[in-house]
């Protein structure tokens, strides 16, 4: 997913990703194809037919995925208030400032409030 998220292009084919990976290491085309198909079946990638191939794109941004993971951890780690407290105790000052800024934005009433 990092490769797909890091691209400037909106979509990618199996061949394009394979060519990128192949330039760096040995990998089978079928490995890339089956991985992208698995990611599609898990709703991480969307796709549409483009000739004989598919063009793929992510269904969520890297940040949306990170938020989803955080919500899953918050909901599965015991008491959410304690999980969040332990999390806050371990983040850096910079991360803490970012969290405070995000909370301020969330508290700001929107135009439809």
C-alpha atoms as a PDB file:
ATOM      1  CA  UNK A   1       0.000   0.000   0.000  1.00  0.00           C
ATOM      2  CA  UNK A   2       2.876   2.387   0.708  1.00  0.00           C
ATOM      3  CA  UNK A   3       3.954   2.158  -2.931  1.00  0.00           C
ATOM      4  CA  UNK A   4       0.469   2.996  -4.108  1.00  0.00           C
ATOM      5  CA  UNK A   5      -0.010   5.809  -1.599  1.00  0.00           C
ATOM      6  CA  UNK A   6       3.387   7.305  -2.472  1.00  0.00           C
ATOM      7  CA  UNK A   7       2.630   7.610  -6.188  1.00  0.00           C
ATOM      8  CA  UNK A   8       1.721  10.877  -7.871  1.00  0.00           C
ATOM      9  CA  UNK A   9      -0.529   9.054 -10.327  1.00  0.00           C
ATOM     10  CA  UNK A  10      -4.103   8.428  -9.271  1.00  0.00           C
ATOM     11  CA  UNK A  11      -4.202   4.847 -10.580  1.00  0.00           C
ATOM     12  CA  UNK A  12      -1.737   2.032 -11.183  1.00  0.00           C
ATOM     13  CA  UNK A  13      -1.719  -1.275 -13.012  1.00  0.00           C
ATOM     14  CA  UNK A  14      -0.171  -4.500 -11.813  1.00  0.00           C
ATOM     15  CA  UNK A  15       2.448  -4.149 -14.587  1.00  0.00           C
ATOM     16  CA  UNK A  16       3.415  -0.625 -13.475  1.00  0.00           C
ATOM     17  CA  UNK A  17       3.836  -1.677  -9.852  1.00  0.00           C
ATOM     18  CA  UNK A  18       5.648  -4.848 -10.875  1.00  0.00           C
ATOM     19  CA  UNK A  19       8.110  -2.833 -12.999  1.00  0.00           C
ATOM     20  CA  UNK A  20       8.824  -0.505 -10.049  1.00  0.00           C
ATOM     21  CA  UNK A  21       9.404  -3.381  -7.644  1.00  0.00           C
ATOM     22  CA  UNK A  22      11.395  -5.428 -10.173  1.00  0.00           C
ATOM     23  CA  UNK A  23      13.880  -2.568 -10.550  1.00  0.00           C
ATOM     24  CA  UNK A  24      14.765  -3.024  -6.868  1.00  0.00           C
ATOM     25  CA  UNK A  25      14.420  -6.755  -6.215  1.00  0.00           C
ATOM     26  CA  UNK A  26      13.416 -10.135  -7.544  1.00  0.00           C
ATOM     27  CA  UNK A  27       9.654 -10.529  -7.500  1.00  0.00           C
ATOM     28  CA  UNK A  28       7.174 -12.509  -9.571  1.00  0.00           C
ATOM     29  CA  UNK A  29       4.507 -10.726 -11.576  1.00  0.00           C
ATOM     30  CA  UNK A  30       1.924 -13.165 -10.194  1.00  0.00           C
ATOM     31  CA  UNK A  31       2.883 -12.175  -6.636  1.00  0.00           C
ATOM     32  CA  UNK A  32       2.116  -8.524  -7.366  1.00  0.00           C
ATOM     33  CA  UNK A  33      -1.077  -9.466  -9.204  1.00  0.00           C
ATOM     34  CA  UNK A  34      -2.402 -11.700  -6.425  1.00  0.00           C
ATOM     35  CA  UNK A  35      -1.470  -9.167  -3.741  1.00  0.00           C
ATOM     36  CA  UNK A  36      -3.330  -6.388  -5.525  1.00  0.00           C
ATOM     37  CA  UNK A  37      -6.311  -8.692  -6.076  1.00  0.00           C
ATOM     38  CA  UNK A  38      -6.317  -9.566  -2.362  1.00  0.00           C
ATOM     39  CA  UNK A  39      -6.185  -5.875  -1.449  1.00  0.00           C
ATOM     40  CA  UNK A  40      -9.129  -5.291  -3.780  1.00  0.00           C
ATOM     41  CA  UNK A  41     -11.148  -8.102  -2.150  1.00  0.00           C
ATOM     42  CA  UNK A  42     -10.365  -6.606   1.279  1.00  0.00           C
ATOM     43  CA  UNK A  43     -11.643  -3.197   0.068  1.00  0.00           C
ATOM     44  CA  UNK A  44      -8.227  -1.522   0.303  1.00  0.00           C
ATOM     45  CA  UNK A  45      -8.130  -0.997  -3.473  1.00  0.00           C
ATOM     46  CA  UNK A  46     -10.801  -0.214  -6.022  1.00  0.00           C
ATOM     47  CA  UNK A  47     -10.343  -1.129  -9.668  1.00  0.00           C
ATOM     48  CA  UNK A  48     -11.740  -0.746 -13.143  1.00  0.00           C
ATOM     49  CA  UNK A  49     -10.992  -2.580 -16.343  1.00  0.00           C
ATOM     50  CA  UNK A  50      -8.596  -0.841 -18.741  1.00  0.00           C
ATOM     51  CA  UNK A  51      -8.263  -3.056 -21.816  1.00  0.00           C
ATOM     52  CA  UNK A  52      -6.973  -6.432 -20.669  1.00  0.00           C
ATOM     53  CA  UNK A  53      -5.699  -5.065 -17.364  1.00  0.00           C
ATOM     54  CA  UNK A  54      -7.163  -3.366 -14.319  1.00  0.00           C
ATOM     55  CA  UNK A  55      -6.300   0.087 -13.040  1.00  0.00           C
ATOM     56  CA  UNK A  56      -6.238   0.199  -9.233  1.00  0.00           C
ATOM     57  CA  UNK A  57      -6.513   3.050  -6.732  1.00  0.00           C
ATOM     58  CA  UNK A  58      -6.697   3.145  -2.925  1.00  0.00           C
ATOM     59  CA  UNK A  59     -10.087   3.327  -1.232  1.00  0.00           C
ATOM     60  CA  UNK A  60      -8.617   5.362   1.637  1.00  0.00           C
ATOM     61  CA  UNK A  61      -5.644   7.613   2.224  1.00  0.00           C
ATOM     62  CA  UNK A  62      -2.713   6.560   4.365  1.00  0.00           C
ATOM     63  CA  UNK A  63      -4.021   8.917   7.053  1.00  0.00           C
ATOM     64  CA  UNK A  64      -7.535   7.469   6.918  1.00  0.00           C
ATOM     65  CA  UNK A  65      -6.027   4.002   7.288  1.00  0.00           C
ATOM     66  CA  UNK A  66      -3.982   5.162  10.287  1.00  0.00           C
ATOM     67  CA  UNK A  67      -7.108   6.584  11.899  1.00  0.00           C
ATOM     68  CA  UNK A  68      -8.943   3.305  11.297  1.00  0.00           C
ATOM     69  CA  UNK A  69      -6.124   1.377  13.000  1.00  0.00           C
ATOM     70  CA  UNK A  70      -6.176   3.779  15.944  1.00  0.00           C
ATOM     71  CA  UNK A  71      -9.936   3.337  16.354  1.00  0.00           C
ATOM     72  CA  UNK A  72      -9.566  -0.440  16.221  1.00  0.00           C
ATOM     73  CA  UNK A  73      -6.822  -0.318  18.867  1.00  0.00           C
ATOM     74  CA  UNK A  74      -8.875   2.015  21.039  1.00  0.00           C
ATOM     75  CA  UNK A  75     -11.852  -0.322  20.851  1.00  0.00           C
ATOM     76  CA  UNK A  76      -9.981  -3.568  21.444  1.00  0.00           C
ATOM     77  CA  UNK A  77      -7.441  -2.670  24.117  1.00  0.00           C
ATOM     78  CA  UNK A  78      -9.523  -2.679  27.272  1.00  0.00           C
ATOM     79  CA  UNK A  79     -10.874   0.534  28.730  1.00  0.00           C
ATOM     80  CA  UNK A  80     -10.728   3.171  25.987  1.00  0.00           C
ATOM     81  CA  UNK A  81     -10.005   5.998  28.461  1.00  0.00           C
ATOM     82  CA  UNK A  82      -6.940   4.146  29.804  1.00  0.00           C
ATOM     83  CA  UNK A  83      -5.762   3.131  26.332  1.00  0.00           C
ATOM     84  CA  UNK A  84      -5.961   6.760  25.228  1.00  0.00           C
ATOM     85  CA  UNK A  85      -4.211   7.932  28.400  1.00  0.00           C
ATOM     86  CA  UNK A  86      -1.319   5.502  27.827  1.00  0.00           C
ATOM     87  CA  UNK A  87      -1.125   6.587  24.194  1.00  0.00           C
ATOM     88  CA  UNK A  88      -0.928  10.276  25.117  1.00  0.00           C
ATOM     89  CA  UNK A  89       1.785   9.519  27.696  1.00  0.00           C
ATOM     90  CA  UNK A  90       3.961   8.021  24.954  1.00  0.00           C
ATOM     91  CA  UNK A  91       3.677  10.560  22.127  1.00  0.00           C
ATOM     92  CA  UNK A  92       6.248  13.272  21.467  1.00  0.00           C
ATOM     93  CA  UNK A  93       5.692  16.980  22.092  1.00  0.00           C
ATOM     94  CA  UNK A  94       5.301  17.500  18.350  1.00  0.00           C
ATOM     95  CA  UNK A  95       2.707  14.721  18.114  1.00  0.00           C
ATOM     96  CA  UNK A  96       0.955  16.122  21.187  1.00  0.00           C
ATOM     97  CA  UNK A  97       0.776  19.564  19.565  1.00  0.00           C
ATOM     98  CA  UNK A  98      -0.693  17.976  16.426  1.00  0.00           C
ATOM     99  CA  UNK A  99      -3.280  16.138  18.510  1.00  0.00           C
ATOM    100  CA  UNK A 100      -4.257  19.335  20.330  1.00  0.00           C
ATOM    101  CA  UNK A 101      -4.599  21.143  16.990  1.00  0.00           C
ATOM    102  CA  UNK A 102      -6.803  18.354  15.618  1.00  0.00           C
ATOM    103  CA  UNK A 103      -9.007  18.496  18.722  1.00  0.00           C
ATOM    104  CA  UNK A 104      -9.350  22.288  18.399  1.00  0.00           C
ATOM    105  CA  UNK A 105     -10.453  21.871  14.783  1.00  0.00           C
ATOM    106  CA  UNK A 106     -12.943  19.202  15.829  1.00  0.00           C
ATOM    107  CA  UNK A 107     -14.401  21.516  18.506  1.00  0.00           C
ATOM    108  CA  UNK A 108     -14.813  24.377  16.040  1.00  0.00           C
ATOM    109  CA  UNK A 109     -18.450  24.522  14.927  1.00  0.00           C
ATOM    110  CA  UNK A 110     -18.865  24.031  11.195  1.00  0.00           C
ATOM    111  CA  UNK A 111     -21.156  25.995   8.890  1.00  0.00           C
ATOM    112  CA  UNK A 112     -23.924  23.386   9.305  1.00  0.00           C
ATOM    113  CA  UNK A 113     -23.765  23.292  13.110  1.00  0.00           C
END
